[in-house]
């Protein structure tokens, strides 16, 4: 083999190896596709409110007893609570709608006029029941009967609507229509054309119950007339957010 040819062949092979191991040069690619246009959207909100008249109430009724002897306090509280529960049943409340919420007993050391422990201990027994009242027309008489029977604590009255499905659906429909009207008005004022709805979201605040706070007193003061109760109205509120594509 010719020496010149051999040297040329070796150099060519070496150059080929170096070329293979070295960084490749990126080829220039022509992009024939333009980036998509940013989607133009319009966001609007609508609110729907439906007012309801309560048809159910949840009340917490309690008996609090204080005695110097723990056993006596428990026995008296038990008798008093049983009388209260019986009065509630006599008012038309079914047994399934009466549930014990709390029973507790604790000692309460007494202090003298100088703020020093007197050595006397009073035992306190507290028994409360949750009651579901389905006939609101009888609620005032029920409370009066319970107080007359020995209940000395009415912690709260919460009004509600047992079935809110229809009201929720109506509030949602109102909220959607309100949002659509808002979008139409904005589009017309801005000279825009609304496209399809791209996104829908909603928030339901639910029904806000009315609370009657406070505590009832002994039986004698309210025996002449039933306890006045005003359920008022409740509101189901729904907020809907719509996102439109602007054409």
C-alpha atoms as a PDB file:
ATOM      1  CA  UNK A   1       0.000   0.000   0.000  1.00  0.00           C
ATOM      2  CA  UNK A   2       1.173   3.434  -0.855  1.00  0.00           C
ATOM      3  CA  UNK A   3       2.436   5.322   2.224  1.00  0.00           C
ATOM      4  CA  UNK A   4       0.620   8.502   1.266  1.00  0.00           C
ATOM      5  CA  UNK A   5      -2.641   6.599   0.829  1.00  0.00           C
ATOM      6  CA  UNK A   6      -2.204   4.878   4.216  1.00  0.00           C
ATOM      7  CA  UNK A   7      -1.573   8.145   6.040  1.00  0.00           C
ATOM      8  CA  UNK A   8      -4.613   9.722   4.338  1.00  0.00           C
ATOM      9  CA  UNK A   9      -6.813   6.812   5.367  1.00  0.00           C
ATOM     10  CA  UNK A  10      -5.692   7.022   9.016  1.00  0.00           C
ATOM     11  CA  UNK A  11      -6.305  10.773   9.113  1.00  0.00           C
ATOM     12  CA  UNK A  12      -9.730  10.300   7.563  1.00  0.00           C
ATOM     13  CA  UNK A  13     -10.711   7.649  10.127  1.00  0.00           C
ATOM     14  CA  UNK A  14      -9.475   9.839  13.007  1.00  0.00           C
ATOM     15  CA  UNK A  15     -11.424  12.812  11.691  1.00  0.00           C
ATOM     16  CA  UNK A  16     -14.520  10.653  11.426  1.00  0.00           C
ATOM     17  CA  UNK A  17     -14.148   9.518  15.066  1.00  0.00           C
ATOM     18  CA  UNK A  18     -13.674  13.076  16.305  1.00  0.00           C
ATOM     19  CA  UNK A  19     -16.707  14.166  14.363  1.00  0.00           C
ATOM     20  CA  UNK A  20     -18.812  11.378  15.881  1.00  0.00           C
ATOM     21  CA  UNK A  21     -17.771  12.190  19.463  1.00  0.00           C
ATOM     22  CA  UNK A  22     -18.114  15.947  19.203  1.00  0.00           C
ATOM     23  CA  UNK A  23     -21.262  18.001  19.836  1.00  0.00           C
ATOM     24  CA  UNK A  24     -23.745  17.853  17.126  1.00  0.00           C
ATOM     25  CA  UNK A  25     -24.745  21.062  15.476  1.00  0.00           C
ATOM     26  CA  UNK A  26     -28.507  21.588  15.728  1.00  0.00           C
ATOM     27  CA  UNK A  27     -30.193  21.734  12.418  1.00  0.00           C
ATOM     28  CA  UNK A  28     -32.333  24.662  11.591  1.00  0.00           C
ATOM     29  CA  UNK A  29     -36.023  23.704  11.547  1.00  0.00           C
ATOM     30  CA  UNK A  30     -38.530  25.977   9.987  1.00  0.00           C
ATOM     31  CA  UNK A  31     -41.780  26.135  12.106  1.00  0.00           C
ATOM     32  CA  UNK A  32     -44.707  26.480   9.770  1.00  0.00           C
ATOM     33  CA  UNK A  33     -47.264  26.524  12.662  1.00  0.00           C
ATOM     34  CA  UNK A  34     -48.063  29.814  14.413  1.00  0.00           C
ATOM     35  CA  UNK A  35     -48.672  29.831  18.210  1.00  0.00           C
ATOM     36  CA  UNK A  36     -52.373  29.690  19.060  1.00  0.00           C
ATOM     37  CA  UNK A  37     -54.032  32.932  19.997  1.00  0.00           C
ATOM     38  CA  UNK A  38     -54.696  33.510  23.678  1.00  0.00           C
ATOM     39  CA  UNK A  39     -58.308  32.669  24.496  1.00  0.00           C
ATOM     40  CA  UNK A  40     -60.311  35.754  25.380  1.00  0.00           C
ATOM     41  CA  UNK A  41     -62.841  35.204  28.178  1.00  0.00           C
ATOM     42  CA  UNK A  42     -65.404  37.079  30.235  1.00  0.00           C
ATOM     43  CA  UNK A  43     -66.055  36.158  33.879  1.00  0.00           C
ATOM     44  CA  UNK A  44     -69.369  37.040  35.514  1.00  0.00           C
ATOM     45  CA  UNK A  45     -71.190  36.197  38.750  1.00  0.00           C
ATOM     46  CA  UNK A  46     -74.863  35.852  39.586  1.00  0.00           C
ATOM     47  CA  UNK A  47     -76.777  35.445  42.850  1.00  0.00           C
ATOM     48  CA  UNK A  48     -80.020  33.623  43.555  1.00  0.00           C
ATOM     49  CA  UNK A  49     -81.945  33.927  46.824  1.00  0.00           C
ATOM     50  CA  UNK A  50     -85.053  31.987  47.848  1.00  0.00           C
ATOM     51  CA  UNK A  51     -86.894  32.763  51.093  1.00  0.00           C
ATOM     52  CA  UNK A  52     -88.509  30.000  53.089  1.00  0.00           C
ATOM     53  CA  UNK A  53     -90.803  29.718  56.072  1.00  0.00           C
ATOM     54  CA  UNK A  54     -89.343  27.370  58.714  1.00  0.00           C
ATOM     55  CA  UNK A  55     -91.206  24.108  59.283  1.00  0.00           C
ATOM     56  CA  UNK A  56     -89.013  22.522  61.951  1.00  0.00           C
ATOM     57  CA  UNK A  57     -87.185  23.620  65.107  1.00  0.00           C
ATOM     58  CA  UNK A  58     -84.369  22.204  67.196  1.00  0.00           C
ATOM     59  CA  UNK A  59     -84.315  23.173  70.865  1.00  0.00           C
ATOM     60  CA  UNK A  60     -82.085  22.309  73.799  1.00  0.00           C
ATOM     61  CA  UNK A  61     -83.880  22.052  77.125  1.00  0.00           C
ATOM     62  CA  UNK A  62     -82.092  21.485  80.419  1.00  0.00           C
ATOM     63  CA  UNK A  63     -82.597  20.837  84.113  1.00  0.00           C
ATOM     64  CA  UNK A  64     -79.985  22.188  86.516  1.00  0.00           C
ATOM     65  CA  UNK A  65     -80.056  21.033  90.156  1.00  0.00           C
ATOM     66  CA  UNK A  66     -77.842  22.136  93.043  1.00  0.00           C
ATOM     67  CA  UNK A  67     -77.749  20.416  96.449  1.00  0.00           C
ATOM     68  CA  UNK A  68     -75.344  19.936  99.335  1.00  0.00           C
ATOM     69  CA  UNK A  69     -75.429  16.183  98.833  1.00  0.00           C
ATOM     70  CA  UNK A  70     -74.418  14.611  95.509  1.00  0.00           C
ATOM     71  CA  UNK A  71     -76.873  11.715  95.735  1.00  0.00           C
ATOM     72  CA  UNK A  72     -79.744  14.042  96.537  1.00  0.00           C
ATOM     73  CA  UNK A  73     -78.818  16.315  93.640  1.00  0.00           C
ATOM     74  CA  UNK A  74     -78.813  13.359  91.226  1.00  0.00           C
ATOM     75  CA  UNK A  75     -82.122  11.967  92.469  1.00  0.00           C
ATOM     76  CA  UNK A  76     -83.891  15.309  92.318  1.00  0.00           C
ATOM     77  CA  UNK A  77     -82.462  16.062  88.882  1.00  0.00           C
ATOM     78  CA  UNK A  78     -83.550  12.652  87.607  1.00  0.00           C
ATOM     79  CA  UNK A  79     -87.120  13.111  88.816  1.00  0.00           C
ATOM     80  CA  UNK A  80     -87.278  16.642  87.431  1.00  0.00           C
ATOM     81  CA  UNK A  81     -85.826  15.636  84.049  1.00  0.00           C
ATOM     82  CA  UNK A  82     -88.245  12.716  83.713  1.00  0.00           C
ATOM     83  CA  UNK A  83     -91.129  15.105  84.367  1.00  0.00           C
ATOM     84  CA  UNK A  84     -89.817  17.480  81.687  1.00  0.00           C
ATOM     85  CA  UNK A  85     -89.427  14.689  79.126  1.00  0.00           C
ATOM     86  CA  UNK A  86     -92.937  13.449  79.865  1.00  0.00           C
ATOM     87  CA  UNK A  87     -94.300  16.977  79.381  1.00  0.00           C
ATOM     88  CA  UNK A  88     -92.512  17.163  76.021  1.00  0.00           C
ATOM     89  CA  UNK A  89     -94.046  13.839  74.964  1.00  0.00           C
ATOM     90  CA  UNK A  90     -97.474  14.996  76.088  1.00  0.00           C
ATOM     91  CA  UNK A  91     -97.015  18.025  73.822  1.00  0.00           C
ATOM     92  CA  UNK A  92     -96.892  15.692  70.811  1.00  0.00           C
ATOM     93  CA  UNK A  93     -93.152  15.123  70.338  1.00  0.00           C
ATOM     94  CA  UNK A  94     -92.253  11.547  69.396  1.00  0.00           C
ATOM     95  CA  UNK A  95     -89.678   9.624  71.397  1.00  0.00           C
ATOM     96  CA  UNK A  96     -87.281   9.477  68.419  1.00  0.00           C
ATOM     97  CA  UNK A  97     -87.142  13.289  68.436  1.00  0.00           C
ATOM     98  CA  UNK A  98     -85.927  13.497  72.058  1.00  0.00           C
ATOM     99  CA  UNK A  99     -82.239  12.829  72.650  1.00  0.00           C
ATOM    100  CA  UNK A 100     -80.071  13.325  75.737  1.00  0.00           C
ATOM    101  CA  UNK A 101     -77.354  15.802  74.905  1.00  0.00           C
ATOM    102  CA  UNK A 102     -75.466  16.056  78.192  1.00  0.00           C
ATOM    103  CA  UNK A 103     -75.470  14.705  81.730  1.00  0.00           C
ATOM    104  CA  UNK A 104     -72.838  16.010  84.099  1.00  0.00           C
ATOM    105  CA  UNK A 105     -72.204  16.383  87.827  1.00  0.00           C
ATOM    106  CA  UNK A 106     -69.510  18.401  89.548  1.00  0.00           C
ATOM    107  CA  UNK A 107     -68.672  19.894  92.928  1.00  0.00           C
ATOM    108  CA  UNK A 108     -68.703  23.629  93.471  1.00  0.00           C
ATOM    109  CA  UNK A 109     -66.792  24.803  96.578  1.00  0.00           C
ATOM    110  CA  UNK A 110     -68.425  27.802  98.246  1.00  0.00           C
ATOM    111  CA  UNK A 111     -66.669  30.945  99.416  1.00  0.00           C
ATOM    112  CA  UNK A 112     -67.541  33.286 102.234  1.00  0.00           C
ATOM    113  CA  UNK A 113     -67.996  37.050 102.016  1.00  0.00           C
ATOM    114  CA  UNK A 114     -64.236  37.542 102.350  1.00  0.00           C
ATOM    115  CA  UNK A 115     -63.418  35.311  99.386  1.00  0.00           C
ATOM    116  CA  UNK A 116     -62.208  32.448 101.559  1.00  0.00           C
ATOM    117  CA  UNK A 117     -63.299  28.826 101.249  1.00  0.00           C
ATOM    118  CA  UNK A 118     -66.178  28.268 103.623  1.00  0.00           C
ATOM    119  CA  UNK A 119     -65.846  24.480 103.723  1.00  0.00           C
ATOM    120  CA  UNK A 120     -69.288  24.046 102.166  1.00  0.00           C
ATOM    121  CA  UNK A 121     -69.514  22.196  98.860  1.00  0.00           C
ATOM    122  CA  UNK A 122     -72.516  22.342  96.527  1.00  0.00           C
ATOM    123  CA  UNK A 123     -73.016  19.528  94.028  1.00  0.00           C
ATOM    124  CA  UNK A 124     -74.368  20.551  90.641  1.00  0.00           C
ATOM    125  CA  UNK A 125     -76.144  18.194  88.255  1.00  0.00           C
ATOM    126  CA  UNK A 126     -76.963  19.265  84.724  1.00  0.00           C
ATOM    127  CA  UNK A 127     -79.099  17.235  82.289  1.00  0.00           C
ATOM    128  CA  UNK A 128     -79.978  18.549  78.827  1.00  0.00           C
ATOM    129  CA  UNK A 129     -81.962  17.064  75.959  1.00  0.00           C
ATOM    130  CA  UNK A 130     -82.178  18.000  72.292  1.00  0.00           C
ATOM    131  CA  UNK A 131     -85.735  18.114  70.991  1.00  0.00           C
ATOM    132  CA  UNK A 132     -86.895  18.207  67.372  1.00  0.00           C
ATOM    133  CA  UNK A 133     -90.230  19.989  67.021  1.00  0.00           C
ATOM    134  CA  UNK A 134     -92.082  19.323  63.778  1.00  0.00           C
ATOM    135  CA  UNK A 135     -95.252  21.270  64.587  1.00  0.00           C
ATOM    136  CA  UNK A 136     -94.189  24.869  65.099  1.00  0.00           C
ATOM    137  CA  UNK A 137     -97.710  25.940  66.020  1.00  0.00           C
ATOM    138  CA  UNK A 138     -97.273  24.012  69.274  1.00  0.00           C
ATOM    139  CA  UNK A 139     -93.748  25.221  70.044  1.00  0.00           C
ATOM    140  CA  UNK A 140     -94.756  27.964  72.491  1.00  0.00           C
ATOM    141  CA  UNK A 141     -97.059  25.634  74.439  1.00  0.00           C
ATOM    142  CA  UNK A 142     -94.360  22.952  74.471  1.00  0.00           C
ATOM    143  CA  UNK A 143     -91.830  25.315  76.022  1.00  0.00           C
ATOM    144  CA  UNK A 144     -94.365  26.476  78.581  1.00  0.00           C
ATOM    145  CA  UNK A 145     -95.147  22.865  79.523  1.00  0.00           C
ATOM    146  CA  UNK A 146     -91.463  21.964  79.817  1.00  0.00           C
ATOM    147  CA  UNK A 147     -90.752  24.965  82.052  1.00  0.00           C
ATOM    148  CA  UNK A 148     -93.781  24.212  84.188  1.00  0.00           C
ATOM    149  CA  UNK A 149     -92.557  20.632  84.587  1.00  0.00           C
ATOM    150  CA  UNK A 150     -89.164  21.772  85.915  1.00  0.00           C
ATOM    151  CA  UNK A 151     -86.965  22.821  82.995  1.00  0.00           C
ATOM    152  CA  UNK A 152     -84.877  25.817  84.063  1.00  0.00           C
ATOM    153  CA  UNK A 153     -82.562  26.177  81.037  1.00  0.00           C
ATOM    154  CA  UNK A 154     -83.574  26.815  77.425  1.00  0.00           C
ATOM    155  CA  UNK A 155     -80.219  27.126  75.675  1.00  0.00           C
ATOM    156  CA  UNK A 156     -81.313  27.820  72.090  1.00  0.00           C
ATOM    157  CA  UNK A 157     -84.014  27.451  69.485  1.00  0.00           C
ATOM    158  CA  UNK A 158     -82.812  26.861  65.928  1.00  0.00           C
ATOM    159  CA  UNK A 159     -85.334  27.118  63.100  1.00  0.00           C
ATOM    160  CA  UNK A 160     -84.805  25.233  59.864  1.00  0.00           C
ATOM    161  CA  UNK A 161     -86.509  23.779  56.786  1.00  0.00           C
ATOM    162  CA  UNK A 162     -86.476  20.000  56.696  1.00  0.00           C
ATOM    163  CA  UNK A 163     -86.406  19.613  52.892  1.00  0.00           C
ATOM    164  CA  UNK A 164     -84.535  22.388  51.074  1.00  0.00           C
ATOM    165  CA  UNK A 165     -84.040  20.578  47.731  1.00  0.00           C
ATOM    166  CA  UNK A 166     -86.614  22.544  45.727  1.00  0.00           C
ATOM    167  CA  UNK A 167     -85.459  25.870  47.149  1.00  0.00           C
ATOM    168  CA  UNK A 168     -81.808  25.066  46.380  1.00  0.00           C
ATOM    169  CA  UNK A 169     -82.648  24.184  42.768  1.00  0.00           C
ATOM    170  CA  UNK A 170     -84.643  27.389  42.364  1.00  0.00           C
ATOM    171  CA  UNK A 171     -81.843  29.500  43.851  1.00  0.00           C
ATOM    172  CA  UNK A 172     -79.304  27.919  41.486  1.00  0.00           C
ATOM    173  CA  UNK A 173     -81.515  28.611  38.472  1.00  0.00           C
ATOM    174  CA  UNK A 174     -81.949  32.232  39.579  1.00  0.00           C
ATOM    175  CA  UNK A 175     -78.191  32.632  40.026  1.00  0.00           C
ATOM    176  CA  UNK A 176     -77.466  31.274  36.515  1.00  0.00           C
ATOM    177  CA  UNK A 177     -80.036  33.582  34.926  1.00  0.00           C
ATOM    178  CA  UNK A 178     -78.610  36.525  36.866  1.00  0.00           C
ATOM    179  CA  UNK A 179     -75.083  35.709  35.646  1.00  0.00           C
ATOM    180  CA  UNK A 180     -76.257  35.327  32.033  1.00  0.00           C
ATOM    181  CA  UNK A 181     -78.005  38.695  32.157  1.00  0.00           C
ATOM    182  CA  UNK A 182     -74.831  40.261  33.560  1.00  0.00           C
ATOM    183  CA  UNK A 183     -72.728  38.754  30.757  1.00  0.00           C
ATOM    184  CA  UNK A 184     -75.172  39.884  28.057  1.00  0.00           C
ATOM    185  CA  UNK A 185     -75.230  43.427  29.382  1.00  0.00           C
ATOM    186  CA  UNK A 186     -71.458  43.659  29.573  1.00  0.00           C
ATOM    187  CA  UNK A 187     -71.002  42.207  26.100  1.00  0.00           C
ATOM    188  CA  UNK A 188     -73.468  44.663  24.555  1.00  0.00           C
ATOM    189  CA  UNK A 189     -71.888  47.615  26.342  1.00  0.00           C
ATOM    190  CA  UNK A 190     -68.416  46.566  25.223  1.00  0.00           C
ATOM    191  CA  UNK A 191     -69.319  45.640  21.651  1.00  0.00           C
ATOM    192  CA  UNK A 192     -68.311  42.011  22.190  1.00  0.00           C
ATOM    193  CA  UNK A 193     -69.914  38.760  21.079  1.00  0.00           C
ATOM    194  CA  UNK A 194     -70.379  36.021  23.629  1.00  0.00           C
ATOM    195  CA  UNK A 195     -69.384  32.483  22.725  1.00  0.00           C
ATOM    196  CA  UNK A 196     -69.923  29.233  24.587  1.00  0.00           C
ATOM    197  CA  UNK A 197     -69.710  28.948  28.362  1.00  0.00           C
ATOM    198  CA  UNK A 198     -66.273  27.557  29.147  1.00  0.00           C
ATOM    199  CA  UNK A 199     -66.544  27.065  32.917  1.00  0.00           C
ATOM    200  CA  UNK A 200     -69.240  26.995  35.620  1.00  0.00           C
ATOM    201  CA  UNK A 201     -68.707  27.081  39.380  1.00  0.00           C
ATOM    202  CA  UNK A 202     -71.029  27.868  42.258  1.00  0.00           C
ATOM    203  CA  UNK A 203     -71.071  28.434  45.998  1.00  0.00           C
ATOM    204  CA  UNK A 204     -74.059  27.648  48.173  1.00  0.00           C
ATOM    205  CA  UNK A 205     -74.158  29.403  51.512  1.00  0.00           C
ATOM    206  CA  UNK A 206     -77.017  27.198  52.610  1.00  0.00           C
ATOM    207  CA  UNK A 207     -79.751  28.233  54.963  1.00  0.00           C
ATOM    208  CA  UNK A 208     -78.974  30.579  57.829  1.00  0.00           C
ATOM    209  CA  UNK A 209     -80.936  29.488  60.894  1.00  0.00           C
ATOM    210  CA  UNK A 210     -82.489  31.919  63.295  1.00  0.00           C
ATOM    211  CA  UNK A 211     -81.375  31.483  66.906  1.00  0.00           C
ATOM    212  CA  UNK A 212     -83.287  32.373  70.016  1.00  0.00           C
ATOM    213  CA  UNK A 213     -80.656  32.729  72.736  1.00  0.00           C
ATOM    214  CA  UNK A 214     -81.125  32.874  76.461  1.00  0.00           C
ATOM    215  CA  UNK A 215     -82.447  30.864  79.356  1.00  0.00           C
ATOM    216  CA  UNK A 216     -85.941  30.354  80.644  1.00  0.00           C
ATOM    217  CA  UNK A 217     -86.831  30.858  84.252  1.00  0.00           C
ATOM    218  CA  UNK A 218     -88.973  28.839  86.620  1.00  0.00           C
ATOM    219  CA  UNK A 219     -92.438  27.609  85.858  1.00  0.00           C
ATOM    220  CA  UNK A 220     -94.653  30.074  87.673  1.00  0.00           C
ATOM    221  CA  UNK A 221     -93.778  33.231  85.777  1.00  0.00           C
ATOM    222  CA  UNK A 222     -94.847  31.916  82.353  1.00  0.00           C
ATOM    223  CA  UNK A 223     -97.781  29.716  83.275  1.00  0.00           C
ATOM    224  CA  UNK A 224    -100.424  32.301  82.354  1.00  0.00           C
ATOM    225  CA  UNK A 225     -99.580  32.314  78.613  1.00  0.00           C
ATOM    226  CA  UNK A 226     -97.513  30.270  76.171  1.00  0.00           C
ATOM    227  CA  UNK A 227     -94.000  31.440  75.354  1.00  0.00           C
ATOM    228  CA  UNK A 228     -94.112  33.817  72.330  1.00  0.00           C
ATOM    229  CA  UNK A 229     -92.054  32.457  69.431  1.00  0.00           C
ATOM    230  CA  UNK A 230     -91.582  34.070  65.986  1.00  0.00           C
ATOM    231  CA  UNK A 231     -89.834  31.782  63.441  1.00  0.00           C
ATOM    232  CA  UNK A 232     -89.469  34.529  60.821  1.00  0.00           C
ATOM    233  CA  UNK A 233     -88.037  33.552  57.423  1.00  0.00           C
ATOM    234  CA  UNK A 234     -84.908  31.793  56.238  1.00  0.00           C
ATOM    235  CA  UNK A 235     -82.946  32.327  53.028  1.00  0.00           C
ATOM    236  CA  UNK A 236     -81.161  29.909  50.703  1.00  0.00           C
ATOM    237  CA  UNK A 237     -78.430  31.802  48.806  1.00  0.00           C
ATOM    238  CA  UNK A 238     -76.452  30.515  45.805  1.00  0.00           C
ATOM    239  CA  UNK A 239     -73.667  32.325  43.902  1.00  0.00           C
ATOM    240  CA  UNK A 240     -72.781  31.134  40.381  1.00  0.00           C
ATOM    241  CA  UNK A 241     -69.646  32.063  38.407  1.00  0.00           C
ATOM    242  CA  UNK A 242     -69.681  31.713  34.599  1.00  0.00           C
ATOM    243  CA  UNK A 243     -66.767  32.026  32.196  1.00  0.00           C
ATOM    244  CA  UNK A 244     -67.698  32.893  28.571  1.00  0.00           C
ATOM    245  CA  UNK A 245     -65.482  32.693  25.509  1.00  0.00           C
ATOM    246  CA  UNK A 246     -65.434  36.031  23.674  1.00  0.00           C
ATOM    247  CA  UNK A 247     -65.687  35.577  19.915  1.00  0.00           C
END
